[in-house]
Amino acid sequence: MTRQKTTSSSQRISIPARHAKAAFIKKGRRIKVINTHGTQVVDCWALNPDNLGEYMSLEHCRVSIERVCPRKGDVMVTNRRRPILKIMEDSAPGTHDTLLAACDRYRYELLGCKEYHRNCTDNFWEAMVEVGLKPVDLPSPFNLWQNTPVEPNGVIKPNPPVSKKGDYIVMRAEMDLVICFSACPQDITSICGNKPRNAHFEII
């Protein structure tokens, strides 16, 4: 399978509702992710395309930045503690999640689904295969615009989205990487406002 090529020109890529898209990004390029409708959670992964065993690791990021929710200026790191993404701009700071795992078929079964439900785990595999890669593991995602803060009593609640239409986050690639975004299919809890929608990103 042939990898997609990177490009030096700007690109705009749609993330269809309930599906995912991946793209190769050269070091120094910026990725602007836009919440097209303002209610959509977008799971984000970043990996080293030459060694898929190295990836953006949220547990390592939390140690590095010393907080649960990244802010403008924070550098996300890999499981080898190397910089991979830097947050350059964020129109909705404090509305992202680094704690919850990607949804999967088992999550939806526990929520009562009797038939197959699209999920971010399968979306990740599909998008990566589409660009010619076969990861060996599923890293935990950086859940953009997922409103699941840790409450004072320690509870993590799946709250409705508070992001607005057109909210965006800009991240700079700190190494050559492959990035993957999934427009979360969650329509049972209120995380995506019960109606998954598309989002999009720009490589600039």
Protein backbone atom coordinates (compact mmCIF):
# COMPACT_ATOMS: atom_id res chain seq x y z
CA MET A 1 0.00 0.00 0.00
CA THR A 2 1.35 3.44 -0.98
CA ARG A 3 1.47 6.27 1.47
CA GLN A 4 -0.20 9.55 0.66
CA LYS A 5 2.33 12.27 -0.08
CA THR A 6 2.74 15.43 1.92
CA THR A 7 2.33 18.73 0.12
CA SER A 8 3.79 22.19 0.57
CA SER A 9 0.53 23.95 -0.38
CA SER A 10 -2.38 24.63 1.94
CA GLN A 11 -5.06 21.97 2.18
CA ARG A 12 -8.60 21.83 3.57
CA ILE A 13 -9.83 18.38 4.54
CA SER A 14 -13.36 17.50 5.66
CA ILE A 15 -13.89 15.04 8.50
CA PRO A 16 -17.25 13.41 7.70
CA ALA A 17 -19.67 12.90 10.58
CA ARG A 18 -18.99 9.55 12.31
CA HIS A 19 -15.79 8.98 10.30
CA ALA A 20 -12.11 9.95 10.41
CA LYS A 21 -9.41 11.37 8.17
CA ALA A 22 -5.61 11.22 8.44
CA ALA A 23 -2.85 13.23 6.77
CA PHE A 24 0.93 13.48 6.74
CA ILE A 25 2.33 16.72 8.13
CA LYS A 26 5.90 18.02 7.79
CA LYS A 27 7.70 19.56 10.75
CA GLY A 28 6.86 23.26 11.08
CA ARG A 29 3.49 23.09 9.32
CA ARG A 30 0.37 24.11 11.22
CA ILE A 31 -2.89 22.23 11.51
CA LYS A 32 -6.02 24.27 12.13
CA VAL A 33 -8.96 22.15 13.30
CA ILE A 34 -12.35 23.84 12.98
CA ASN A 35 -15.52 22.85 14.81
CA THR A 36 -17.74 23.51 11.82
CA HIS A 37 -21.03 23.40 13.72
CA GLY A 38 -19.83 24.04 17.26
CA THR A 39 -21.14 20.84 18.82
CA GLN A 40 -18.75 18.20 17.53
CA VAL A 41 -16.10 16.37 19.55
CA VAL A 42 -13.06 15.53 17.44
CA ASP A 43 -10.68 12.80 18.62
CA CYS A 44 -7.08 13.63 17.68
CA TRP A 45 -4.04 11.38 17.35
CA ALA A 46 -0.50 12.21 16.20
CA LEU A 47 2.12 9.57 15.45
CA ASN A 48 5.64 9.29 14.09
CA PRO A 49 5.03 7.86 10.57
CA ASP A 50 8.46 6.22 10.51
CA ASN A 51 7.89 4.49 13.83
CA LEU A 52 4.21 4.06 14.70
CA GLY A 53 5.22 2.84 18.15
CA GLU A 54 5.99 6.48 18.95
CA TYR A 55 2.90 8.64 19.33
CA MET A 56 1.42 11.58 21.19
CA SER A 57 0.91 10.18 24.68
CA LEU A 58 -1.60 11.93 26.89
CA GLU A 59 -0.20 10.46 30.10
CA HIS A 60 3.25 11.79 29.18
CA CYS A 61 1.72 15.14 28.14
CA ARG A 62 0.04 15.59 31.52
CA VAL A 63 3.35 15.03 33.27
CA SER A 64 5.13 17.44 30.91
CA ILE A 65 2.62 20.33 31.05
CA GLU A 66 1.57 19.64 34.66
CA ARG A 67 -2.14 20.04 34.01
CA VAL A 68 -5.06 17.98 32.72
CA CYS A 69 -6.22 20.34 29.97
CA PRO A 70 -3.56 21.78 27.61
CA ARG A 71 -3.46 25.51 26.89
CA LYS A 72 -2.03 27.81 24.25
CA GLY A 73 1.75 27.49 24.27
CA ASP A 74 1.79 23.97 25.66
CA VAL A 75 3.84 21.34 23.84
CA MET A 76 2.36 17.87 23.49
CA VAL A 77 4.92 15.07 23.73
CA THR A 78 5.26 11.47 22.63
CA ASN A 79 5.67 8.33 24.70
CA ARG A 80 9.40 8.94 24.21
CA ARG A 81 8.90 12.42 25.72
CA ARG A 82 9.78 14.20 22.46
CA PRO A 83 7.79 17.25 21.26
CA ILE A 84 5.24 16.37 18.60
CA LEU A 85 2.62 19.18 18.60
CA LYS A 86 2.56 22.70 20.01
CA ILE A 87 -0.72 24.52 20.63
CA MET A 88 -0.39 27.89 18.91
CA GLU A 89 -3.97 29.20 19.09
CA ASP A 90 -7.16 28.06 20.79
CA SER A 91 -10.47 29.91 20.52
CA ALA A 92 -12.10 27.77 23.21
CA PRO A 93 -9.45 27.10 25.87
CA GLY A 94 -10.29 24.67 28.63
CA THR A 95 -12.82 22.70 26.61
CA HIS A 96 -10.64 19.74 25.63
CA ASP A 97 -10.22 16.34 27.30
CA THR A 98 -7.10 14.22 27.86
CA LEU A 99 -8.58 11.56 30.15
CA LEU A 100 -11.24 9.54 28.31
CA ALA A 101 -10.49 6.65 25.99
CA ALA A 102 -11.78 6.61 22.42
CA CYS A 103 -15.27 5.15 22.11
CA ASP A 104 -15.42 1.58 20.77
CA ARG A 105 -17.95 -1.12 20.00
CA TYR A 106 -17.82 -2.32 23.61
CA ARG A 107 -18.69 1.15 24.92
CA TYR A 108 -21.80 1.22 22.76
CA GLU A 109 -22.76 -2.31 23.77
CA LEU A 110 -22.62 -1.18 27.40
CA LEU A 111 -24.84 1.76 26.43
CA GLY A 112 -27.43 -0.67 25.07
CA CYS A 113 -26.62 -0.93 21.36
CA LYS A 114 -27.65 -4.31 19.94
CA GLU A 115 -26.15 -3.69 16.50
CA TYR A 116 -22.80 -2.34 15.33
CA HIS A 117 -22.28 1.35 16.09
CA ARG A 118 -19.58 3.40 14.40
CA ASN A 119 -16.89 4.43 16.85
CA CYS A 120 -13.65 6.40 17.08
CA THR A 121 -11.52 3.30 17.61
CA ASP A 122 -12.54 1.77 14.28
CA ASN A 123 -12.42 5.21 12.66
CA PHE A 124 -8.76 5.51 13.65
CA TRP A 125 -7.82 2.17 12.08
CA GLU A 126 -9.77 2.92 8.89
CA ALA A 127 -8.24 6.37 8.41
CA MET A 128 -4.70 5.14 9.02
CA VAL A 129 -5.09 2.26 6.57
CA GLU A 130 -6.52 4.73 4.04
CA VAL A 131 -3.20 6.64 4.06
CA GLY A 132 -1.14 3.45 3.85
CA LEU A 133 -0.26 2.84 7.49
CA LYS A 134 -0.95 -0.09 9.81
CA PRO A 135 -0.52 0.91 13.46
CA VAL A 136 0.07 -1.79 16.04
CA ASP A 137 -1.63 0.05 18.91
CA LEU A 138 -4.38 2.56 19.61
CA PRO A 139 -3.06 5.55 21.58
CA SER A 140 -5.40 7.49 23.84
CA PRO A 141 -6.87 10.45 21.93
CA PHE A 142 -6.70 14.17 22.60
CA ASN A 143 -10.46 14.84 22.64
CA LEU A 144 -10.98 18.29 21.17
CA TRP A 145 -14.03 20.17 22.50
CA GLN A 146 -15.07 17.28 24.73
CA ASN A 147 -16.68 18.84 27.80
CA THR A 148 -15.85 16.26 30.46
CA PRO A 149 -14.19 18.18 33.30
CA VAL A 150 -13.23 16.56 36.57
CA GLU A 151 -15.81 17.77 39.08
CA PRO A 152 -14.76 18.87 42.60
CA ASN A 153 -15.91 15.49 43.96
CA GLY A 154 -13.68 13.67 41.44
CA VAL A 155 -16.49 12.62 39.08
CA ILE A 156 -15.99 12.89 35.30
CA LYS A 157 -19.30 13.85 33.69
CA PRO A 158 -20.18 13.63 29.95
CA ASN A 159 -21.54 17.18 29.73
CA PRO A 160 -23.11 18.70 26.60
CA PRO A 161 -20.73 20.68 24.36
CA VAL A 162 -20.03 24.32 25.13
CA SER A 163 -18.01 25.02 21.99
CA LYS A 164 -19.41 27.44 19.42
CA LYS A 165 -19.73 27.23 15.66
CA GLY A 166 -16.36 28.05 14.11
CA ASP A 167 -14.28 27.42 17.23
CA TYR A 168 -10.79 26.31 16.27
CA ILE A 169 -7.45 25.13 17.57
CA VAL A 170 -4.13 25.58 15.75
CA MET A 171 -1.28 23.15 16.42
CA ARG A 172 2.24 23.20 14.96
CA ALA A 173 4.00 19.99 14.02
CA GLU A 174 7.19 19.68 16.06
CA MET A 175 8.33 16.67 13.99
CA ASP A 176 7.26 15.02 10.76
CA LEU A 177 4.05 13.25 11.75
CA VAL A 178 0.80 11.66 10.67
CA ILE A 179 -2.28 13.18 12.25
CA CYS A 180 -5.71 11.60 12.51
CA PHE A 181 -9.03 13.22 13.39
CA SER A 182 -12.30 11.40 14.10
CA ALA A 183 -15.66 13.19 14.18
CA CYS A 184 -16.96 11.23 17.16
CA PRO A 185 -20.10 9.15 16.43
CA GLN A 186 -21.41 9.42 20.00
CA ASP A 187 -25.18 9.96 19.81
CA ILE A 188 -26.30 8.27 23.04
CA THR A 189 -24.68 10.50 25.66
CA SER A 190 -24.76 14.29 25.31
CA ILE A 191 -21.04 14.71 24.53
CA CYS A 192 -21.75 15.68 20.90
CA GLY A 193 -25.15 17.17 21.57
CA ASN A 194 -26.72 13.82 20.59
CA LYS A 195 -26.19 14.59 16.90
CA PRO A 196 -22.75 13.83 15.43
CA ARG A 197 -21.75 16.25 12.66
CA ASN A 198 -18.83 16.87 10.36
CA ALA A 199 -15.81 19.02 11.15
CA HIS A 200 -12.77 19.98 9.08
CA PHE A 201 -9.09 20.84 9.30
CA GLU A 202 -6.63 22.90 7.32
CA ILE A 203 -2.92 22.28 6.80
CA ILE A 204 -1.31 25.71 6.62
